[in-house]
């Protein structure tokens, strides 16, 4: 009869929750594979000539399968699954922004009459290999920010901090700004705040630490996008 096969394609974020393997009870062949996933889907394939006997329940750790290993000839002699152990933490760290010094911020200004304003600063790190769908990844990095220089504005990286892949910070500014007005004079006062959108490539390292102390370390890259603001500027003009 014609050879047949079955295949299984995992969805993003789908993990193996249960795994069983069987031998052929002669110690020479793989007998069967059965697993269930976090989406409650099941895969089960077995040898057809002999019945199944001893079931071996496998510890799946985190349920994240890195691949398969084994030996084969005309049949599958042996096969095993490679899993990441139960995970303690996953961190995107050793962050670098290679194009930071080349980036020229385009700063748009808004003028406030009343010095009370809500500003929303955002930071987001995209991950090219979609690991965020499987791992709960945090970020340990300095966040790019605006700094004023003689020629205008440039970017600098702040102090390293721990945050999530997407961060939103709402700031309500209600500052008291003192302006000295000479007796009998009238002044126009302008308060200016600059806003810049950032779009930077980054490269970093993902460090996955397991409960047993082992680590899986691999490179990652993607795009950092953010919105930031300058500090307020006050200008006065006598009428």
Protein backbone atom coordinates (compact mmCIF):
# COMPACT_ATOMS: atom_id res chain seq x y z
CA UNK A 1 0.00 0.00 0.00
CA UNK A 2 1.07 3.60 -0.49
CA UNK A 3 2.99 5.28 2.33
CA UNK A 4 0.95 7.74 4.38
CA UNK A 5 1.97 10.44 6.83
CA UNK A 6 0.44 12.99 9.17
CA UNK A 7 1.86 16.36 10.10
CA UNK A 8 1.15 18.84 12.87
CA UNK A 9 1.67 22.60 12.66
CA UNK A 10 1.83 24.55 15.91
CA UNK A 11 0.10 27.91 16.24
CA UNK A 12 2.00 30.87 17.70
CA UNK A 13 2.30 30.42 21.45
CA UNK A 14 1.00 26.83 21.42
CA UNK A 15 2.87 24.48 23.76
CA UNK A 16 2.96 20.76 24.43
CA UNK A 17 1.25 19.97 27.74
CA UNK A 18 1.36 16.14 27.67
CA UNK A 19 3.66 13.73 25.83
CA UNK A 20 3.79 9.94 25.70
CA UNK A 21 6.17 7.67 23.76
CA UNK A 22 6.06 3.94 23.14
CA UNK A 23 8.73 1.53 21.96
CA UNK A 24 8.00 -1.64 19.99
CA UNK A 25 8.82 -3.68 23.13
CA UNK A 26 11.72 -5.33 21.30
CA UNK A 27 14.08 -2.42 22.02
CA UNK A 28 14.68 -1.72 18.34
CA UNK A 29 12.07 0.78 17.09
CA UNK A 30 9.92 3.74 18.06
CA UNK A 31 6.38 2.47 18.52
CA UNK A 32 4.19 5.56 18.88
CA UNK A 33 4.05 9.28 19.64
CA UNK A 34 1.14 11.06 21.29
CA UNK A 35 1.00 14.64 22.54
CA UNK A 36 -1.61 17.17 23.61
CA UNK A 37 -1.15 20.94 23.32
CA UNK A 38 -2.22 24.03 25.25
CA UNK A 39 -4.90 24.53 22.57
CA UNK A 40 -6.31 21.09 23.51
CA UNK A 41 -5.27 19.62 20.16
CA UNK A 42 -3.82 16.14 19.92
CA UNK A 43 -1.39 14.29 17.67
CA UNK A 44 -1.18 10.47 17.76
CA UNK A 45 0.75 8.25 15.36
CA UNK A 46 1.72 4.61 15.95
CA UNK A 47 3.14 1.51 14.31
CA UNK A 48 0.53 -0.61 12.57
CA UNK A 49 2.01 -4.12 12.61
CA UNK A 50 2.30 -4.57 16.39
CA UNK A 51 0.10 -3.52 19.28
CA UNK A 52 1.27 -0.96 21.84
CA UNK A 53 2.40 -2.10 25.29
CA UNK A 54 4.45 0.09 27.63
CA UNK A 55 3.61 3.82 27.64
CA UNK A 56 6.34 6.22 28.77
CA UNK A 57 5.06 9.58 30.05
CA UNK A 58 7.61 12.32 29.34
CA UNK A 59 8.29 15.43 31.45
CA UNK A 60 7.67 18.34 29.05
CA UNK A 61 9.12 21.09 31.30
CA UNK A 62 7.93 24.44 29.95
CA UNK A 63 6.21 22.73 27.01
CA UNK A 64 8.36 24.68 24.55
CA UNK A 65 9.82 22.15 22.13
CA UNK A 66 13.16 23.07 20.55
CA UNK A 67 13.29 20.05 18.25
CA UNK A 68 13.64 16.29 17.98
CA UNK A 69 16.59 13.93 18.22
CA UNK A 70 17.01 10.25 17.45
CA UNK A 71 18.26 7.61 15.01
CA UNK A 72 16.72 6.08 11.94
CA UNK A 73 17.36 3.73 9.06
CA UNK A 74 14.47 2.26 7.12
CA UNK A 75 12.42 2.83 10.31
CA UNK A 76 12.68 5.22 13.26
CA UNK A 77 14.95 3.40 15.71
CA UNK A 78 14.69 5.94 18.52
CA UNK A 79 13.28 9.43 18.98
CA UNK A 80 13.10 12.02 21.75
CA UNK A 81 11.85 15.57 22.19
CA UNK A 82 14.04 18.48 23.33
CA UNK A 83 12.24 20.87 25.72
CA UNK A 84 13.17 24.02 27.59
CA UNK A 85 12.90 23.30 31.31
CA UNK A 86 10.30 25.06 33.46
CA UNK A 87 11.04 28.77 32.99
CA UNK A 88 11.75 31.23 35.78
CA UNK A 89 12.35 34.34 33.66
CA UNK A 90 12.92 35.52 30.08
CA UNK A 91 14.74 38.82 29.62
CA UNK A 92 15.73 40.87 26.57
CA UNK A 93 19.02 42.40 27.71
CA UNK A 94 22.46 43.68 26.56
CA UNK A 95 20.55 46.20 24.43
CA UNK A 96 22.36 48.17 21.73
CA UNK A 97 20.99 50.77 19.30
CA UNK A 98 23.59 50.77 16.49
CA UNK A 99 22.02 53.68 14.56
CA UNK A 100 21.42 55.91 17.60
CA UNK A 101 24.17 58.42 16.78
CA UNK A 102 22.95 58.72 13.17
CA UNK A 103 19.30 59.34 14.05
CA UNK A 104 18.19 62.97 13.64
CA UNK A 105 15.08 63.61 15.73
CA UNK A 106 12.33 65.61 14.07
CA UNK A 107 10.98 67.65 16.96
CA UNK A 108 7.58 69.28 16.61
CA UNK A 109 6.65 71.99 19.11
CA UNK A 110 3.38 72.88 20.77
CA UNK A 111 2.70 76.09 22.68
CA UNK A 112 0.80 76.04 25.95
CA UNK A 113 -0.99 79.01 27.42
CA UNK A 114 -2.05 77.12 30.52
CA UNK A 115 0.74 75.00 32.00
CA UNK A 116 -1.30 71.87 32.66
CA UNK A 117 -0.99 69.14 30.07
CA UNK A 118 -1.13 65.36 29.82
CA UNK A 119 1.75 63.82 27.87
CA UNK A 120 1.96 60.17 26.83
CA UNK A 121 5.44 58.68 26.44
CA UNK A 122 5.63 55.28 24.76
CA UNK A 123 8.34 52.66 24.26
CA UNK A 124 8.01 49.45 22.26
CA UNK A 125 10.49 46.75 21.20
CA UNK A 126 9.35 44.52 18.33
CA UNK A 127 10.87 41.03 18.23
CA UNK A 128 11.59 39.63 14.76
CA UNK A 129 11.36 35.93 15.64
CA UNK A 130 7.99 36.14 17.48
CA UNK A 131 9.38 34.82 20.76
CA UNK A 132 6.96 37.06 22.66
CA UNK A 133 4.11 34.77 21.58
CA UNK A 134 5.73 31.87 23.46
CA UNK A 135 7.84 33.47 26.19
CA UNK A 136 6.75 36.11 28.68
CA UNK A 137 9.61 38.45 27.85
CA UNK A 138 10.62 41.47 29.93
CA UNK A 139 13.16 44.11 28.88
CA UNK A 140 16.23 45.31 30.75
CA UNK A 141 17.56 48.28 28.83
CA UNK A 142 18.20 51.98 28.71
CA UNK A 143 15.45 53.88 26.90
CA UNK A 144 16.37 56.45 24.21
CA UNK A 145 15.49 60.03 25.07
CA UNK A 146 15.90 63.52 23.67
CA UNK A 147 18.78 65.76 24.64
CA UNK A 148 19.28 69.33 23.45
CA UNK A 149 22.60 70.15 21.81
CA UNK A 150 23.97 73.27 20.16
CA UNK A 151 22.78 72.16 16.73
CA UNK A 152 19.29 71.16 17.87
CA UNK A 153 18.41 67.78 19.34
CA UNK A 154 19.99 64.34 19.46
CA UNK A 155 19.29 61.07 21.25
CA UNK A 156 20.86 59.63 24.35
CA UNK A 157 20.22 56.37 26.21
CA UNK A 158 18.96 56.61 29.76
CA UNK A 159 19.86 54.49 32.78
CA UNK A 160 19.14 50.78 32.38
CA UNK A 161 15.75 49.78 33.80
CA UNK A 162 13.41 46.80 33.78
CA UNK A 163 10.18 47.16 31.84
CA UNK A 164 7.83 45.31 29.49
CA UNK A 165 8.07 44.97 25.69
CA UNK A 166 5.48 47.74 25.44
CA UNK A 167 5.48 50.61 27.90
CA UNK A 168 3.14 53.59 28.13
CA UNK A 169 3.73 56.36 30.62
CA UNK A 170 1.19 59.14 31.11
CA UNK A 171 2.57 62.32 32.63
CA UNK A 172 0.35 65.15 33.80
CA UNK A 173 2.44 68.27 33.98
CA UNK A 174 1.19 71.02 36.24
CA UNK A 175 4.22 73.08 36.98
CA UNK A 176 4.48 76.51 38.52
CA UNK A 177 6.60 78.71 36.31
CA UNK A 178 7.69 82.01 37.78
CA UNK A 179 8.07 84.94 35.41
CA UNK A 180 9.26 88.32 36.70
CA UNK A 181 7.18 91.16 35.31
CA UNK A 182 8.48 94.68 35.88
CA UNK A 183 5.96 97.14 37.37
CA UNK A 184 3.72 98.72 34.76
CA UNK A 185 4.82 96.35 32.00
CA UNK A 186 2.90 93.71 30.04
CA UNK A 187 4.60 90.50 28.90
CA UNK A 188 3.54 87.74 26.52
CA UNK A 189 4.62 84.35 27.91
CA UNK A 190 5.00 81.23 25.77
CA UNK A 191 5.66 77.74 27.12
CA UNK A 192 6.94 75.34 24.46
CA UNK A 193 7.18 71.55 24.63
CA UNK A 194 8.83 69.52 21.85
CA UNK A 195 7.70 66.04 20.78
CA UNK A 196 9.69 63.46 18.80
CA UNK A 197 8.90 60.04 17.33
CA UNK A 198 11.76 57.53 17.38
CA UNK A 199 12.29 54.51 15.14
CA UNK A 200 15.56 52.66 15.80
CA UNK A 201 17.03 49.26 15.02
CA UNK A 202 18.28 47.36 18.03
CA UNK A 203 20.22 44.21 18.75
CA UNK A 204 20.13 42.39 22.07
CA UNK A 205 20.39 39.06 23.85
CA UNK A 206 17.53 36.92 25.12
CA UNK A 207 18.36 35.14 28.39
CA UNK A 208 15.94 32.41 29.42
CA UNK A 209 16.59 31.23 32.98
CA UNK A 210 15.02 27.95 34.10
CA UNK A 211 13.93 26.94 37.59
CA UNK A 212 16.86 24.50 37.81
CA UNK A 213 19.34 27.34 37.19
CA UNK A 214 20.20 26.47 33.59
CA UNK A 215 20.17 29.21 30.95
CA UNK A 216 19.35 29.41 27.27
CA UNK A 217 21.00 32.44 25.64
CA UNK A 218 20.52 33.57 22.04
CA UNK A 219 20.73 36.81 20.01
CA UNK A 220 17.69 38.80 18.96
CA UNK A 221 17.04 41.96 16.99
CA UNK A 222 14.15 44.17 15.97
CA UNK A 223 12.91 47.74 16.00
CA UNK A 224 12.47 50.15 18.89
CA UNK A 225 9.72 52.73 18.47
CA UNK A 226 8.95 55.45 20.96
CA UNK A 227 7.46 58.87 21.60
CA UNK A 228 9.22 61.28 23.93
CA UNK A 229 9.16 64.96 24.88
CA UNK A 230 11.56 67.78 25.67
CA UNK A 231 11.44 69.70 28.91
CA UNK A 232 9.36 72.88 28.84
CA UNK A 233 10.85 76.10 27.50
CA UNK A 234 9.61 79.51 28.61
CA UNK A 235 9.99 82.62 26.47
CA UNK A 236 8.74 86.12 27.23
CA UNK A 237 8.17 89.16 25.06
CA UNK A 238 7.32 92.64 26.23
CA UNK A 239 4.40 94.29 24.53
